[in-house]
Each structure stands twice: as structure tokens, then as C-alpha cells.
PDB file of N, CA and C in Angstrom:
ATOM      1  N   MET A   1     178.592 167.904  68.906  1.00  0.00           N
ATOM      2  CA  MET A   1     177.741 167.227  69.845  1.00  0.00           C
ATOM      3  C   MET A   1     176.997 166.093  69.127  1.00  0.00           C
ATOM      4  N   GLU A   2     176.932 164.950  69.780  1.00  0.00           N
ATOM      5  CA  GLU A   2     176.217 163.819  69.183  1.00  0.00           C
ATOM      6  C   GLU A   2     174.759 164.188  68.955  1.00  0.00           C
ATOM      7  N   ASN A   3     174.166 163.574  67.936  1.00  0.00           N
ATOM      8  CA  ASN A   3     172.778 163.849  67.591  1.00  0.00           C
ATOM      9  C   ASN A   3     172.155 162.590  66.991  1.00  0.00           C
ATOM     10  N   GLU A   4     170.870 162.629  66.749  1.00  0.00           N
ATOM     11  CA  GLU A   4     170.142 161.451  66.272  1.00  0.00           C
ATOM     12  C   GLU A   4     170.624 160.969  64.907  1.00  0.00           C
ATOM     13  N   VAL A   5     170.904 161.880  63.981  1.00  0.00           N
ATOM     14  CA  VAL A   5     171.377 161.479  62.647  1.00  0.00           C
ATOM     15  C   VAL A   5     172.740 160.808  62.761  1.00  0.00           C
ATOM     16  N   PHE A   6     173.621 161.360  63.583  1.00  0.00           N
ATOM     17  CA  PHE A   6     174.931 160.748  63.816  1.00  0.00           C
ATOM     18  C   PHE A   6     174.764 159.327  64.354  1.00  0.00           C
ATOM     19  N   ARG A   7     173.879 159.142  65.329  1.00  0.00           N
ATOM     20  CA  ARG A   7     173.650 157.804  65.903  1.00  0.00           C
ATOM     21  C   ARG A   7     173.062 156.851  64.866  1.00  0.00           C
ATOM     22  N   LEU A   8     172.111 157.334  64.069  1.00  0.00           N
ATOM     23  CA  LEU A   8     171.524 156.487  63.017  1.00  0.00           C
ATOM     24  C   LEU A   8     172.585 156.046  62.016  1.00  0.00           C
ATOM     25  N   LEU A   9     173.432 156.972  61.609  1.00  0.00           N
ATOM     26  CA  LEU A   9     174.476 156.649  60.639  1.00  0.00           C
ATOM     27  C   LEU A   9     175.487 155.674  61.233  1.00  0.00           C
ATOM     28  N   SER A  10     175.912 155.908  62.458  1.00  0.00           N
ATOM     29  CA  SER A  10     176.856 154.996  63.113  1.00  0.00           C
ATOM     30  C   SER A  10     176.264 153.600  63.236  1.00  0.00           C
ATOM     31  N   ASP A  11     174.993 153.514  63.643  1.00  0.00           N
ATOM     32  CA  ASP A  11     174.327 152.212  63.771  1.00  0.00           C
ATOM     33  C   ASP A  11     174.195 151.519  62.420  1.00  0.00           C
ATOM     34  N   ALA A  12     173.827 152.269  61.388  1.00  0.00           N
ATOM     35  CA  ALA A  12     173.660 151.685  60.057  1.00  0.00           C
ATOM     36  C   ALA A  12     174.986 151.132  59.527  1.00  0.00           C
ATOM     37  N   LEU A  13     176.067 151.859  59.735  1.00  0.00           N
ATOM     38  CA  LEU A  13     177.369 151.395  59.265  1.00  0.00           C
ATOM     39  C   LEU A  13     177.878 150.212  60.078  1.00  0.00           C
ATOM     40  N   SER A  14     177.537 150.166  61.356  1.00  0.00           N
ATOM     41  CA  SER A  14     178.034 149.074  62.198  1.00  0.00           C
ATOM     42  C   SER A  14     177.512 147.721  61.730  1.00  0.00           C
ATOM     43  N   MET A  15     176.364 147.702  61.062  1.00  0.00           N
ATOM     44  CA  MET A  15     175.850 146.437  60.529  1.00  0.00           C
ATOM     45  C   MET A  15     176.808 145.835  59.501  1.00  0.00           C
ATOM     46  N   HIS A  16     177.572 146.687  58.833  1.00  0.00           N
ATOM     47  CA  HIS A  16     178.463 146.217  57.772  1.00  0.00           C
ATOM     48  C   HIS A  16     179.939 146.320  58.130  1.00  0.00           C
ATOM     49  N   LEU A  17     180.287 147.268  59.008  1.00  0.00           N
ATOM     50  CA  LEU A  17     181.698 147.543  59.291  1.00  0.00           C
ATOM     51  C   LEU A  17     182.144 147.135  60.684  1.00  0.00           C
ATOM     52  N   GLY A  18     181.231 146.613  61.500  1.00  0.00           N
ATOM     53  CA  GLY A  18     181.599 146.191  62.847  1.00  0.00           C
ATOM     54  C   GLY A  18     181.322 147.259  63.883  1.00  0.00           C
ATOM     55  N   THR A  19     181.854 147.042  65.055  1.00  0.00           N
ATOM     56  CA  THR A  19     181.624 147.954  66.184  1.00  0.00           C
ATOM     57  C   THR A  19     182.611 149.114  66.119  1.00  0.00           C
ATOM     58  N   PRO A  20     182.092 150.336  66.198  1.00  0.00           N
ATOM     59  CA  PRO A  20     183.005 151.489  66.155  1.00  0.00           C
ATOM     60  C   PRO A  20     183.644 151.759  67.510  1.00  0.00           C
ATOM     61  N   SER A  21     184.750 152.468  67.464  1.00  0.00           N
ATOM     62  CA  SER A  21     185.435 152.945  68.668  1.00  0.00           C
ATOM     63  C   SER A  21     185.353 154.465  68.688  1.00  0.00           C
ATOM     64  N   PRO A  22     185.329 155.056  69.873  1.00  0.00           N
ATOM     65  CA  PRO A  22     185.334 156.525  69.925  1.00  0.00           C
ATOM     66  C   PRO A  22     186.581 157.078  69.240  1.00  0.00           C
ATOM     67  N   HIS A  23     186.415 158.128  68.484  1.00  0.00           N
ATOM     68  CA  HIS A  23     187.546 158.801  67.830  1.00  0.00           C
ATOM     69  C   HIS A  23     188.353 159.507  68.906  1.00  0.00           C
ATOM     70  N   GLU A  24     189.668 159.481  68.773  1.00  0.00           N
ATOM     71  CA  GLU A  24     190.555 160.080  69.778  1.00  0.00           C
ATOM     72  C   GLU A  24     190.224 161.544  70.041  1.00  0.00           C
ATOM     73  N   SER A  25     189.761 162.240  69.031  1.00  0.00           N
ATOM     74  CA  SER A  25     189.484 163.677  69.172  1.00  0.00           C
ATOM     75  C   SER A  25     188.100 163.959  69.760  1.00  0.00           C
ATOM     76  N   GLN A  26     187.341 162.902  70.049  1.00  0.00           N
ATOM     77  CA  GLN A  26     185.985 163.034  70.580  1.00  0.00           C
ATOM     78  C   GLN A  26     185.026 163.697  69.596  1.00  0.00           C
ATOM     79  N   THR A  27     185.338 163.645  68.314  1.00  0.00           N
ATOM     80  CA  THR A  27     184.493 164.262  67.294  1.00  0.00           C
ATOM     81  C   THR A  27     183.626 163.251  66.554  1.00  0.00           C
ATOM     82  N   GLY A  28     183.717 161.980  66.934  1.00  0.00           N
ATOM     83  CA  GLY A  28     182.943 160.953  66.250  1.00  0.00           C
ATOM     84  C   GLY A  28     183.388 159.564  66.642  1.00  0.00           C
ATOM     85  N   VAL A  29     183.130 158.614  65.738  1.00  0.00           N
ATOM     86  CA  VAL A  29     183.527 157.228  65.962  1.00  0.00           C
ATOM     87  C   VAL A  29     184.267 156.715  64.737  1.00  0.00           C
ATOM     88  N   ARG A  30     185.087 155.698  64.978  1.00  0.00           N
ATOM     89  CA  ARG A  30     185.923 155.147  63.914  1.00  0.00           C
ATOM     90  C   ARG A  30     185.698 153.643  63.802  1.00  0.00           C
ATOM     91  N   PHE A  31     185.539 153.194  62.565  1.00  0.00           N
ATOM     92  CA  PHE A  31     185.492 151.765  62.252  1.00  0.00           C
ATOM     93  C   PHE A  31     186.882 151.398  61.764  1.00  0.00           C
ATOM     94  N   LYS A  32     187.554 150.481  62.472  1.00  0.00           N
ATOM     95  CA  LYS A  32     188.984 150.259  62.255  1.00  0.00           C
ATOM     96  C   LYS A  32     189.365 148.939  61.605  1.00  0.00           C
ATOM     97  N   ALA A  33     188.426 148.033  61.359  1.00  0.00           N
ATOM     98  CA  ALA A  33     188.784 146.708  60.854  1.00  0.00           C
ATOM     99  C   ALA A  33     189.110 146.770  59.357  1.00  0.00           C
ATOM    100  N   PRO A  34     190.388 146.597  58.983  1.00  0.00           N
ATOM    101  CA  PRO A  34     190.757 146.712  57.573  1.00  0.00           C
ATOM    102  C   PRO A  34     190.020 145.717  56.669  1.00  0.00           C
ATOM    103  N   HIS A  35     189.741 144.520  57.175  1.00  0.00           N
ATOM    104  CA  HIS A  35     189.057 143.526  56.332  1.00  0.00           C
ATOM    105  C   HIS A  35     187.586 143.861  56.116  1.00  0.00           C
ATOM    106  N   LYS A  36     187.014 144.733  56.963  1.00  0.00           N
ATOM    107  CA  LYS A  36     185.619 145.163  56.804  1.00  0.00           C
ATOM    108  C   LYS A  36     185.541 146.522  56.128  1.00  0.00           C
ATOM    109  N   GLY A  37     186.629 147.263  56.128  1.00  0.00           N
ATOM    110  CA  GLY A  37     186.663 148.612  55.574  1.00  0.00           C
ATOM    111  C   GLY A  37     186.719 149.634  56.693  1.00  0.00           C
ATOM    112  N   LYS A  38     187.623 150.582  56.554  1.00  0.00           N
ATOM    113  CA  LYS A  38     187.784 151.617  57.572  1.00  0.00           C
ATOM    114  C   LYS A  38     186.966 152.852  57.194  1.00  0.00           C
ATOM    115  N   ALA A  39     186.354 153.450  58.216  1.00  0.00           N
ATOM    116  CA  ALA A  39     185.574 154.671  58.014  1.00  0.00           C
ATOM    117  C   ALA A  39     185.498 155.416  59.337  1.00  0.00           C
ATOM    118  N   THR A  40     185.225 156.707  59.250  1.00  0.00           N
ATOM    119  CA  THR A  40     185.016 157.523  60.439  1.00  0.00           C
ATOM    120  C   THR A  40     183.738 158.320  60.249  1.00  0.00           C
ATOM    121  N   VAL A  41     182.890 158.321  61.278  1.00  0.00           N
ATOM    122  CA  VAL A  41     181.661 159.119  61.272  1.00  0.00           C
ATOM    123  C   VAL A  41     181.874 160.255  62.259  1.00  0.00           C
ATOM    124  N   TYR A  42     181.707 161.471  61.775  1.00  0.00           N
ATOM    125  CA  TYR A  42     181.929 162.665  62.590  1.00  0.00           C
ATOM    126  C   TYR A  42     180.613 163.337  62.956  1.00  0.00           C
ATOM    127  N   HIS A  43     180.574 163.918  64.153  1.00  0.00           N
ATOM    128  CA  HIS A  43     179.442 164.750  64.565  1.00  0.00           C
ATOM    129  C   HIS A  43     179.903 166.169  64.869  1.00  0.00           C
ATOM    130  N   GLU A  44     181.209 166.401  64.866  1.00  0.00           N
ATOM    131  CA  GLU A  44     181.784 167.727  65.077  1.00  0.00           C
ATOM    132  C   GLU A  44     182.853 167.970  64.027  1.00  0.00           C
ATOM    133  N   LYS A  45     183.193 169.238  63.853  1.00  0.00           N
ATOM    134  CA  LYS A  45     184.167 169.650  62.834  1.00  0.00           C
ATOM    135  C   LYS A  45     183.696 169.181  61.463  1.00  0.00           C
ATOM    136  N   ILE A  46     182.422 169.481  61.175  1.00  0.00           N
ATOM    137  CA  ILE A  46     181.791 169.119  59.907  1.00  0.00           C
ATOM    138  C   ILE A  46     181.213 170.384  59.280  1.00  0.00           C
ATOM    139  N   ALA A  47     180.827 170.280  58.026  1.00  0.00           N
ATOM    140  CA  ALA A  47     180.284 171.438  57.314  1.00  0.00           C
ATOM    141  C   ALA A  47     178.988 171.920  57.967  1.00  0.00           C
ATOM    142  N   ILE A  48     178.773 173.212  57.907  1.00  0.00           N
ATOM    143  CA  ILE A  48     177.571 173.824  58.480  1.00  0.00           C
ATOM    144  C   ILE A  48     176.323 173.210  57.859  1.00  0.00           C
ATOM    145  N   GLY A  49     175.371 172.849  58.719  1.00  0.00           N
ATOM    146  CA  GLY A  49     174.110 172.263  58.269  1.00  0.00           C
ATOM    147  C   GLY A  49     174.086 170.749  58.301  1.00  0.00           C
ATOM    148  N   ASN A  50     175.254 170.123  58.321  1.00  0.00           N
ATOM    149  CA  ASN A  50     175.300 168.665  58.422  1.00  0.00           C
ATOM    150  C   ASN A  50     175.113 168.248  59.874  1.00  0.00           C
ATOM    151  N   HIS A  51     174.523 167.078  60.056  1.00  0.00           N
ATOM    152  CA  HIS A  51     174.425 166.500  61.398  1.00  0.00           C
ATOM    153  C   HIS A  51     175.474 165.412  61.579  1.00  0.00           C
ATOM    154  N   ALA A  52     176.060 164.985  60.462  1.00  0.00           N
ATOM    155  CA  ALA A  52     177.138 163.991  60.484  1.00  0.00           C
ATOM    156  C   ALA A  52     177.847 164.031  59.136  1.00  0.00           C
ATOM    157  N   GLU A  53     179.052 163.515  59.132  1.00  0.00           N
ATOM    158  CA  GLU A  53     179.789 163.270  57.891  1.00  0.00           C
ATOM    159  C   GLU A  53     180.488 161.940  58.061  1.00  0.00           C
ATOM    160  N   VAL A  54     180.544 161.188  56.977  1.00  0.00           N
ATOM    161  CA  VAL A  54     181.265 159.920  57.013  1.00  0.00           C
ATOM    162  C   VAL A  54     182.422 160.009  56.021  1.00  0.00           C
ATOM    163  N   ALA A  55     183.605 159.639  56.496  1.00  0.00           N
ATOM    164  CA  ALA A  55     184.815 159.610  55.679  1.00  0.00           C
ATOM    165  C   ALA A  55     185.218 158.151  55.512  1.00  0.00           C
ATOM    166  N   PHE A  56     185.451 157.743  54.266  1.00  0.00           N
ATOM    167  CA  PHE A  56     185.815 156.361  53.967  1.00  0.00           C
ATOM    168  C   PHE A  56     187.290 156.286  53.602  1.00  0.00           C
ATOM    169  N   GLU A  57     188.018 155.374  54.254  1.00  0.00           N
ATOM    170  CA  GLU A  57     189.419 155.137  53.897  1.00  0.00           C
ATOM    171  C   GLU A  57     189.389 154.397  52.564  1.00  0.00           C
ATOM    172  N   PRO A  58     189.915 155.000  51.501  1.00  0.00           N
ATOM    173  CA  PRO A  58     189.680 154.457  50.163  1.00  0.00           C
ATOM    174  C   PRO A  58     190.285 153.089  49.876  1.00  0.00           C
ATOM    175  N   VAL A  59     191.445 152.786  50.400  1.00  0.00           N
ATOM    176  CA  VAL A  59     192.084 151.502  50.064  1.00  0.00           C
ATOM    177  C   VAL A  59     191.304 150.335  50.667  1.00  0.00           C
ATOM    178  N   SER A  60     191.027 150.382  51.970  1.00  0.00           N
ATOM    179  CA  SER A  60     190.333 149.258  52.617  1.00  0.00           C
ATOM    180  C   SER A  60     188.882 149.152  52.149  1.00  0.00           C
ATOM    181  N   MET A  61     188.210 150.283  51.925  1.00  0.00           N
ATOM    182  CA  MET A  61     186.812 150.229  51.484  1.00  0.00           C
ATOM    183  C   MET A  61     186.716 149.705  50.055  1.00  0.00           C
ATOM    184  N   ALA A  62     187.622 150.123  49.195  1.00  0.00           N
ATOM    185  CA  ALA A  62     187.608 149.619  47.819  1.00  0.00           C
ATOM    186  C   ALA A  62     187.840 148.108  47.817  1.00  0.00           C
ATOM    187  N   ARG A  63     188.776 147.650  48.634  1.00  0.00           N
ATOM    188  CA  ARG A  63     189.053 146.213  48.722  1.00  0.00           C
ATOM    189  C   ARG A  63     187.817 145.467  49.226  1.00  0.00           C
ATOM    190  N   ARG A  64     187.192 145.971  50.285  1.00  0.00           N
ATOM    191  CA  ARG A  64     186.013 145.309  50.860  1.00  0.00           C
ATOM    192  C   ARG A  64     184.856 145.248  49.871  1.00  0.00           C
ATOM    193  N   LEU A  65     184.678 146.317  49.105  1.00  0.00           N
ATOM    194  CA  LEU A  65     183.552 146.393  48.179  1.00  0.00           C
ATOM    195  C   LEU A  65     183.900 145.874  46.787  1.00  0.00           C
ATOM    196  N   GLN A  66     185.108 145.341  46.656  1.00  0.00           N
ATOM    197  CA  GLN A  66     185.593 144.781  45.396  1.00  0.00           C
ATOM    198  C   GLN A  66     185.458 145.780  44.255  1.00  0.00           C
ATOM    199  N   MET A  67     185.978 146.967  44.510  1.00  0.00           N
ATOM    200  CA  MET A  67     186.030 148.043  43.528  1.00  0.00           C
ATOM    201  C   MET A  67     187.467 148.525  43.448  1.00  0.00           C
ATOM    202  N   THR A  68     187.781 149.216  42.384  1.00  0.00           N
ATOM    203  CA  THR A  68     189.064 149.908  42.373  1.00  0.00           C
ATOM    204  C   THR A  68     188.909 151.160  43.233  1.00  0.00           C
ATOM    205  N   GLU A  69     190.018 151.715  43.647  1.00  0.00           N
ATOM    206  CA  GLU A  69     189.952 152.944  44.433  1.00  0.00           C
ATOM    207  C   GLU A  69     189.284 154.056  43.621  1.00  0.00           C
ATOM    208  N   GLY A  70     189.582 154.115  42.329  1.00  0.00           N
ATOM    209  CA  GLY A  70     188.959 155.121  41.467  1.00  0.00           C
ATOM    210  C   GLY A  70     187.456 154.941  41.378  1.00  0.00           C
ATOM    211  N   GLU A  71     186.998 153.690  41.254  1.00  0.00           N
ATOM    212  CA  GLU A  71     185.552 153.424  41.212  1.00  0.00           C
ATOM    213  C   GLU A  71     184.886 153.843  42.517  1.00  0.00           C
ATOM    214  N   LEU A  72     185.520 153.520  43.645  1.00  0.00           N
ATOM    215  CA  LEU A  72     184.971 153.898  44.939  1.00  0.00           C
ATOM    216  C   LEU A  72     184.879 155.420  45.055  1.00  0.00           C
ATOM    217  N   ARG A  73     185.927 156.122  44.701  1.00  0.00           N
ATOM    218  CA  ARG A  73     185.927 157.583  44.791  1.00  0.00           C
ATOM    219  C   ARG A  73     184.837 158.184  43.890  1.00  0.00           C
ATOM    220  N   ALA A  74     184.694 157.637  42.700  1.00  0.00           N
ATOM    221  CA  ALA A  74     183.667 158.143  41.774  1.00  0.00           C
ATOM    222  C   ALA A  74     182.276 157.910  42.353  1.00  0.00           C
ATOM    223  N   PHE A  75     182.047 156.716  42.900  1.00  0.00           N
ATOM    224  CA  PHE A  75     180.732 156.440  43.457  1.00  0.00           C
ATOM    225  C   PHE A  75     180.452 157.319  44.666  1.00  0.00           C
ATOM    226  N   LEU A  76     181.432 157.490  45.542  1.00  0.00           N
ATOM    227  CA  LEU A  76     181.227 158.332  46.725  1.00  0.00           C
ATOM    228  C   LEU A  76     181.008 159.790  46.332  1.00  0.00           C
ATOM    229  N   SER A  77     181.621 160.221  45.252  1.00  0.00           N
ATOM    230  CA  SER A  77     181.375 161.567  44.748  1.00  0.00           C
ATOM    231  C   SER A  77     179.914 161.702  44.313  1.00  0.00           C
ATOM    232  N   GLU A  78     179.398 160.691  43.623  1.00  0.00           N
ATOM    233  CA  GLU A  78     177.985 160.694  43.223  1.00  0.00           C
ATOM    234  C   GLU A  78     177.075 160.657  44.450  1.00  0.00           C
ATOM    235  N   LEU A  79     177.451 159.862  45.438  1.00  0.00           N
ATOM    236  CA  LEU A  79     176.654 159.778  46.670  1.00  0.00           C
ATOM    237  C   LEU A  79     176.628 161.132  47.379  1.00  0.00           C
ATOM    238  N   ARG A  80     177.773 161.792  47.413  1.00  0.00           N
ATOM    239  CA  ARG A  80     177.836 163.118  48.033  1.00  0.00           C
ATOM    240  C   ARG A  80     176.958 164.108  47.276  1.00  0.00           C
ATOM    241  N   ILE A  81     176.963 164.040  45.963  1.00  0.00           N
ATOM    242  CA  ILE A  81     176.109 164.910  45.157  1.00  0.00           C
ATOM    243  C   ILE A  81     174.635 164.594  45.414  1.00  0.00           C
ATOM    244  N   SER A  82     174.315 163.312  45.598  1.00  0.00           N
ATOM    245  CA  SER A  82     172.910 162.944  45.819  1.00  0.00           C
ATOM    246  C   SER A  82     172.383 163.447  47.157  1.00  0.00           C
ATOM    247  N   THR A  83     173.238 163.593  48.159  1.00  0.00           N
ATOM    248  CA  THR A  83     172.778 164.175  49.419  1.00  0.00           C
ATOM    249  C   THR A  83     172.716 165.696  49.309  1.00  0.00           C
ATOM    250  N   GLY A  84     173.487 166.251  48.390  1.00  0.00           N
ATOM    251  CA  GLY A  84     173.499 167.696  48.204  1.00  0.00           C
ATOM    252  C   GLY A  84     174.148 168.463  49.332  1.00  0.00           C
ATOM    253  N   ARG A  85     174.895 167.764  50.170  1.00  0.00           N
ATOM    254  CA  ARG A  85     175.502 168.387  51.344  1.00  0.00           C
ATOM    255  C   ARG A  85     176.987 168.651  51.116  1.00  0.00           C
ATOM    256  N   PRO A  86     177.460 169.815  51.541  1.00  0.00           N
ATOM    257  CA  PRO A  86     178.900 170.082  51.487  1.00  0.00           C
ATOM    258  C   PRO A  86     179.605 169.233  52.546  1.00  0.00           C
ATOM    259  N   VAL A  87     180.903 169.138  52.441  1.00  0.00           N
ATOM    260  CA  VAL A  87     181.684 168.417  53.452  1.00  0.00           C
ATOM    261  C   VAL A  87     182.863 169.285  53.877  1.00  0.00           C
ATOM    262  N   LEU A  88     183.410 168.968  55.031  1.00  0.00           N
ATOM    263  CA  LEU A  88     184.574 169.667  55.551  1.00  0.00           C
ATOM    264  C   LEU A  88     185.701 168.647  55.665  1.00  0.00           C
ATOM    265  N   PRO A  89     186.418 168.408  54.556  1.00  0.00           N
ATOM    266  CA  PRO A  89     187.450 167.373  54.584  1.00  0.00           C
ATOM    267  C   PRO A  89     188.631 167.736  55.476  1.00  0.00           C
ATOM    268  N   ASN A  90     189.270 166.693  55.978  1.00  0.00           N
ATOM    269  CA  ASN A  90     190.481 166.869  56.765  1.00  0.00           C
ATOM    270  C   ASN A  90     191.646 166.927  55.765  1.00  0.00           C
ATOM    271  N   PRO A  91     192.345 168.060  55.670  1.00  0.00           N
ATOM    272  CA  PRO A  91     193.410 168.175  54.673  1.00  0.00           C
ATOM    273  C   PRO A  91     194.586 167.224  54.902  1.00  0.00           C
ATOM    274  N   GLN A  92     194.682 166.670  56.101  1.00  0.00           N
ATOM    275  CA  GLN A  92     195.771 165.739  56.398  1.00  0.00           C
ATOM    276  C   GLN A  92     195.539 164.382  55.727  1.00  0.00           C
ATOM    277  N   PHE A  93     194.279 164.040  55.500  1.00  0.00           N
ATOM    278  CA  PHE A  93     193.936 162.744  54.917  1.00  0.00           C
ATOM    279  C   PHE A  93     193.118 162.951  53.655  1.00  0.00           C
ATOM    280  N   ASP A  94     193.268 162.058  52.713  1.00  0.00           N
ATOM    281  CA  ASP A  94     192.541 162.151  51.452  1.00  0.00           C
ATOM    282  C   ASP A  94     191.421 161.104  51.430  1.00  0.00           C
ATOM    283  N   TRP A  95     190.581 161.141  52.455  1.00  0.00           N
ATOM    284  CA  TRP A  95     189.465 160.209  52.546  1.00  0.00           C
ATOM    285  C   TRP A  95     188.216 160.885  52.002  1.00  0.00           C
ATOM    286  N   PRO A  96     187.560 160.298  51.009  1.00  0.00           N
ATOM    287  CA  PRO A  96     186.329 160.901  50.508  1.00  0.00           C
ATOM    288  C   PRO A  96     185.253 160.932  51.592  1.00  0.00           C
ATOM    289  N   ARG A  97     184.491 162.028  51.630  1.00  0.00           N
ATOM    290  CA  ARG A  97     183.458 162.221  52.648  1.00  0.00           C
ATOM    291  C   ARG A  97     182.096 162.412  52.002  1.00  0.00           C
ATOM    292  N   VAL A  98     181.082 162.062  52.792  1.00  0.00           N
ATOM    293  CA  VAL A  98     179.696 162.304  52.409  1.00  0.00           C
ATOM    294  C   VAL A  98     179.034 163.039  53.570  1.00  0.00           C
ATOM    295  N   GLY A  99     178.389 164.152  53.262  1.00  0.00           N
ATOM    296  CA  GLY A  99     177.674 164.916  54.264  1.00  0.00           C
ATOM    297  C   GLY A  99     176.268 164.375  54.457  1.00  0.00           C
ATOM    298  N   VAL A 100     175.826 164.348  55.708  1.00  0.00           N
ATOM    299  CA  VAL A 100     174.531 163.766  56.055  1.00  0.00           C
ATOM    300  C   VAL A 100     173.768 164.760  56.921  1.00  0.00           C
ATOM    301  N   GLU A 101     172.534 165.045  56.501  1.00  0.00           N
ATOM    302  CA  GLU A 101     171.706 165.990  57.234  1.00  0.00           C
ATOM    303  C   GLU A 101     170.466 165.331  57.833  1.00  0.00           C
ATOM    304  N   SER A 102     170.038 164.186  57.272  1.00  0.00           N
ATOM    305  CA  SER A 102     168.744 163.612  57.651  1.00  0.00           C
ATOM    306  C   SER A 102     168.779 162.090  57.641  1.00  0.00           C
ATOM    307  N   ALA A 103     167.705 161.500  58.148  1.00  0.00           N
ATOM    308  CA  ALA A 103     167.562 160.041  58.116  1.00  0.00           C
ATOM    309  C   ALA A 103     167.517 159.540  56.676  1.00  0.00           C
ATOM    310  N   ALA A 104     166.980 160.333  55.764  1.00  0.00           N
ATOM    311  CA  ALA A 104     166.955 159.941  54.344  1.00  0.00           C
ATOM    312  C   ALA A 104     168.379 159.832  53.793  1.00  0.00           C
ATOM    313  N   HIS A 105     169.256 160.725  54.206  1.00  0.00           N
ATOM    314  CA  HIS A 105     170.655 160.638  53.773  1.00  0.00           C
ATOM    315  C   HIS A 105     171.339 159.415  54.372  1.00  0.00           C
ATOM    316  N   VAL A 106     171.025 159.105  55.626  1.00  0.00           N
ATOM    317  CA  VAL A 106     171.558 157.890  56.257  1.00  0.00           C
ATOM    318  C   VAL A 106     171.151 156.682  55.419  1.00  0.00           C
ATOM    319  N   ALA A 107     169.900 156.642  54.994  1.00  0.00           N
ATOM    320  CA  ALA A 107     169.406 155.524  54.187  1.00  0.00           C
ATOM    321  C   ALA A 107     170.170 155.415  52.871  1.00  0.00           C
ATOM    322  N   LEU A 108     170.496 156.544  52.234  1.00  0.00           N
ATOM    323  CA  LEU A 108     171.268 156.506  50.983  1.00  0.00           C
ATOM    324  C   LEU A 108     172.630 155.842  51.198  1.00  0.00           C
ATOM    325  N   VAL A 109     173.326 156.251  52.251  1.00  0.00           N
ATOM    326  CA  VAL A 109     174.656 155.700  52.543  1.00  0.00           C
ATOM    327  C   VAL A 109     174.544 154.215  52.881  1.00  0.00           C
ATOM    328  N   ALA A 110     173.600 153.865  53.746  1.00  0.00           N
ATOM    329  CA  ALA A 110     173.422 152.466  54.158  1.00  0.00           C
ATOM    330  C   ALA A 110     173.021 151.600  52.972  1.00  0.00           C
ATOM    331  N   ASP A 111     172.153 152.100  52.106  1.00  0.00           N
ATOM    332  CA  ASP A 111     171.727 151.337  50.926  1.00  0.00           C
ATOM    333  C   ASP A 111     172.890 151.076  49.984  1.00  0.00           C
ATOM    334  N   PHE A 112     173.766 152.068  49.822  1.00  0.00           N
ATOM    335  CA  PHE A 112     174.946 151.861  48.983  1.00  0.00           C
ATOM    336  C   PHE A 112     175.755 150.675  49.483  1.00  0.00           C
ATOM    337  N   LEU A 113     176.058 150.665  50.780  1.00  0.00           N
ATOM    338  CA  LEU A 113     176.854 149.571  51.327  1.00  0.00           C
ATOM    339  C   LEU A 113     176.122 148.237  51.208  1.00  0.00           C
ATOM    340  N   ARG A 114     174.868 148.226  51.595  1.00  0.00           N
ATOM    341  CA  ARG A 114     174.091 146.984  51.565  1.00  0.00           C
ATOM    342  C   ARG A 114     174.003 146.429  50.142  1.00  0.00           C
ATOM    343  N   GLN A 115     173.657 147.276  49.185  1.00  0.00           N
ATOM    344  CA  GLN A 115     173.510 146.814  47.808  1.00  0.00           C
ATOM    345  C   GLN A 115     174.835 146.321  47.242  1.00  0.00           C
ATOM    346  N   ARG A 116     175.893 147.024  47.518  1.00  0.00           N
ATOM    347  CA  ARG A 116     177.203 146.621  46.988  1.00  0.00           C
ATOM    348  C   ARG A 116     177.662 145.305  47.630  1.00  0.00           C
ATOM    349  N   LEU A 117     177.452 145.162  48.934  1.00  0.00           N
ATOM    350  CA  LEU A 117     177.883 143.933  49.612  1.00  0.00           C
ATOM    351  C   LEU A 117     177.048 142.733  49.190  1.00  0.00           C
ATOM    352  N   GLN A 118     175.795 142.944  48.783  1.00  0.00           N
ATOM    353  CA  GLN A 118     174.944 141.832  48.333  1.00  0.00           C
ATOM    354  C   GLN A 118     175.438 141.268  46.998  1.00  0.00           C
ATOM    355  N   THR A 119     176.160 142.062  46.227  1.00  0.00           N
ATOM    356  CA  THR A 119     176.629 141.583  44.928  1.00  0.00           C
ATOM    357  C   THR A 119     177.948 140.832  45.029  1.00  0.00           C
ATOM    358  N   ILE A 120     178.548 140.819  46.220  1.00  0.00           N
ATOM    359  CA  ILE A 120     179.845 140.163  46.395  1.00  0.00           C
ATOM    360  C   ILE A 120     179.607 138.710  46.815  1.00  0.00           C
ATOM    361  N   PRO A 121     180.213 137.769  46.063  1.00  0.00           N
ATOM    362  CA  PRO A 121     180.012 136.347  46.407  1.00  0.00           C
ATOM    363  C   PRO A 121     180.616 135.969  47.746  1.00  0.00           C
TER     364      PRO A 121
END
């Protein structure tokens, strides 16, 4: 079920990734523009205690943020550790996820994108 943290996270990401579309499974929203970076924000089928989870498509996000895929995965792993939230990954896809429980966690994710994009010429 949609909730305030999910909406905050979706809104924060839309500033950098464009307008999301509803996910086909009705479990969240998807950012689909490859040149902006692909990501999915979920409000259902997520780890217990999370209000949202964001999964980043590693190839397009690494390209957008001018990182290698390995650098992106390492940073997202650190970001996930900083929120301290477990995630419920989709075994069909190997997209790194970050669990979000609060507005403070939304700020961590949004700050990562904002700070990284500010360093790109």
C-alpha cells in the first residue's frame, strides 16, 4: 500500500530521474528513461519494516552518474548499510536495492543523487 515515505522517495527521485510510471505489478513506480537512469521504487513486496525500497538498474545509473558499475554497486551497498534497512531483492533481476523506513532515509538517497549529479560537468 502506498505511504508517505514511498511518495517522498518517488518525488525526490523524480527531480533527477523524470516522471515515473506505475509499475505493471502495482507494487510501485518505475523510472524508465535510460539517459536519466532507470530505477524502481516499491511500496509492496519489500522487507518487513521498510516503507519503500528503491532498486537501481546498474548499467544506466552508472552511466548517468559517470561511475563504473562496480563503483555504483559499492556506493549503493554503503548507502544501504547507512540506512540499516534490509531489502527484499527480486531474484530475477540483479538490481541493487536500498531499504527506506523514514524521511531521513529518503534524504540520504536524494542527497546521494544530488551530490553526484552536481559533480558532473
